[in-house]
Amino acid sequence: MPQYKFHLLNDNGDVAEQMERECDGDLEALDDAQSLSHHHEVEVWQGELRVVRVKRGNAPLNAKDITSG
């Protein structure tokens, strides 16, 4: 099962907390990130690859927002 790192970001975009979880794949990691996004933005990494960034409260992404994507 793949290992993912979840970075919970503070208001400055710095890592406030980090945790590792095993997930069946990227979709499960996305689901986990969404469940963690109530109070923080969350980035999910697998090795050197950023899989997803979820805004606080799972807010919609904005193509003009450089932190989205």
C-alpha atoms as a PDB file:
ATOM      1  CA  MET A   1       0.000   0.000   0.000  1.00  0.00           C
ATOM      2  CA  PRO A   2       1.487   3.418  -0.955  1.00  0.00           C
ATOM      3  CA  GLN A   3       2.687   5.777   1.795  1.00  0.00           C
ATOM      4  CA  TYR A   4       1.541   9.425   1.672  1.00  0.00           C
ATOM      5  CA  LYS A   5       2.651  12.462   3.689  1.00  0.00           C
ATOM      6  CA  PHE A   6      -0.037  14.918   4.746  1.00  0.00           C
ATOM      7  CA  HIS A   7       1.122  18.465   5.484  1.00  0.00           C
ATOM      8  CA  LEU A   8      -1.333  20.615   7.448  1.00  0.00           C
ATOM      9  CA  LEU A   9      -0.496  24.224   6.609  1.00  0.00           C
ATOM     10  CA  ASN A  10      -0.855  27.311   8.792  1.00  0.00           C
ATOM     11  CA  ASP A  11      -2.102  30.712   7.560  1.00  0.00           C
ATOM     12  CA  ASN A  12       1.394  31.540   6.238  1.00  0.00           C
ATOM     13  CA  GLY A  13       1.528  28.358   4.157  1.00  0.00           C
ATOM     14  CA  ASP A  14       4.122  26.755   6.436  1.00  0.00           C
ATOM     15  CA  VAL A  15       3.796  23.160   7.626  1.00  0.00           C
ATOM     16  CA  ALA A  16       2.130  23.238  11.047  1.00  0.00           C
ATOM     17  CA  GLU A  17       1.784  19.468  11.348  1.00  0.00           C
ATOM     18  CA  GLN A  18       2.844  16.473   9.296  1.00  0.00           C
ATOM     19  CA  MET A  19       1.553  12.919   9.328  1.00  0.00           C
ATOM     20  CA  GLU A  20       2.034   9.818   7.231  1.00  0.00           C
ATOM     21  CA  ARG A  21      -0.700   7.440   6.174  1.00  0.00           C
ATOM     22  CA  GLU A  22      -1.026   4.427   3.956  1.00  0.00           C
ATOM     23  CA  CYS A  23      -3.729   4.805   1.308  1.00  0.00           C
ATOM     24  CA  ASP A  24      -4.983   2.513  -1.459  1.00  0.00           C
ATOM     25  CA  GLY A  25      -4.211   5.274  -3.971  1.00  0.00           C
ATOM     26  CA  ASP A  26      -4.507   8.965  -4.818  1.00  0.00           C
ATOM     27  CA  LEU A  27      -8.312   9.048  -4.512  1.00  0.00           C
ATOM     28  CA  GLU A  28      -8.226   7.697  -0.975  1.00  0.00           C
ATOM     29  CA  ALA A  29      -5.469  10.196  -0.130  1.00  0.00           C
ATOM     30  CA  LEU A  30      -7.655  13.004  -1.536  1.00  0.00           C
ATOM     31  CA  ASP A  31     -10.578  11.822   0.572  1.00  0.00           C
ATOM     32  CA  ASP A  32      -8.365  11.786   3.680  1.00  0.00           C
ATOM     33  CA  ALA A  33      -7.063  15.283   2.874  1.00  0.00           C
ATOM     34  CA  GLN A  34     -10.598  16.619   2.521  1.00  0.00           C
ATOM     35  CA  SER A  35     -11.489  15.201   5.937  1.00  0.00           C
ATOM     36  CA  LEU A  36      -8.445  16.977   7.446  1.00  0.00           C
ATOM     37  CA  SER A  37      -9.146  20.347   5.801  1.00  0.00           C
ATOM     38  CA  HIS A  38     -11.634  21.767   8.316  1.00  0.00           C
ATOM     39  CA  HIS A  39      -9.025  23.968  10.025  1.00  0.00           C
ATOM     40  CA  HIS A  40      -6.009  23.816   7.678  1.00  0.00           C
ATOM     41  CA  GLU A  41      -5.050  23.716   4.055  1.00  0.00           C
ATOM     42  CA  VAL A  42      -3.640  20.271   3.356  1.00  0.00           C
ATOM     43  CA  GLU A  43      -0.971  19.140   0.917  1.00  0.00           C
ATOM     44  CA  VAL A  44      -0.553  15.462   0.145  1.00  0.00           C
ATOM     45  CA  TRP A  45       2.805  14.185  -1.058  1.00  0.00           C
ATOM     46  CA  GLN A  46       3.965  10.802  -2.267  1.00  0.00           C
ATOM     47  CA  GLY A  47       7.738  10.933  -2.296  1.00  0.00           C
ATOM     48  CA  GLU A  48       8.810  14.011  -4.298  1.00  0.00           C
ATOM     49  CA  LEU A  49       5.409  14.352  -6.021  1.00  0.00           C
ATOM     50  CA  ARG A  50       2.711  16.659  -4.661  1.00  0.00           C
ATOM     51  CA  VAL A  51      -0.482  14.728  -5.273  1.00  0.00           C
ATOM     52  CA  VAL A  52      -3.023  17.353  -4.219  1.00  0.00           C
ATOM     53  CA  ARG A  53      -3.560  20.541  -2.252  1.00  0.00           C
ATOM     54  CA  VAL A  54      -6.924  20.973  -0.539  1.00  0.00           C
ATOM     55  CA  LYS A  55      -7.972  24.415   0.640  1.00  0.00           C
ATOM     56  CA  ARG A  56      -9.241  24.967   4.159  1.00  0.00           C
ATOM     57  CA  GLY A  57     -12.827  23.816   4.464  1.00  0.00           C
ATOM     58  CA  ASN A  58     -12.445  22.091   1.082  1.00  0.00           C
ATOM     59  CA  ALA A  59     -13.134  25.445  -0.605  1.00  0.00           C
ATOM     60  CA  PRO A  60     -13.232  25.394  -4.414  1.00  0.00           C
ATOM     61  CA  LEU A  61      -9.895  25.881  -6.141  1.00  0.00           C
ATOM     62  CA  ASN A  62      -9.303  29.049  -8.151  1.00  0.00           C
ATOM     63  CA  ALA A  63      -7.127  28.906 -11.276  1.00  0.00           C
ATOM     64  CA  LYS A  64      -5.816  32.441 -10.535  1.00  0.00           C
ATOM     65  CA  ASP A  65      -4.764  31.465  -7.002  1.00  0.00           C
ATOM     66  CA  ILE A  66      -1.081  30.507  -7.167  1.00  0.00           C
ATOM     67  CA  THR A  67      -1.464  28.223  -4.130  1.00  0.00           C
ATOM     68  CA  SER A  68      -4.105  26.100  -5.894  1.00  0.00           C
ATOM     69  CA  GLY A  69      -3.093  23.120  -7.902  1.00  0.00           C
END
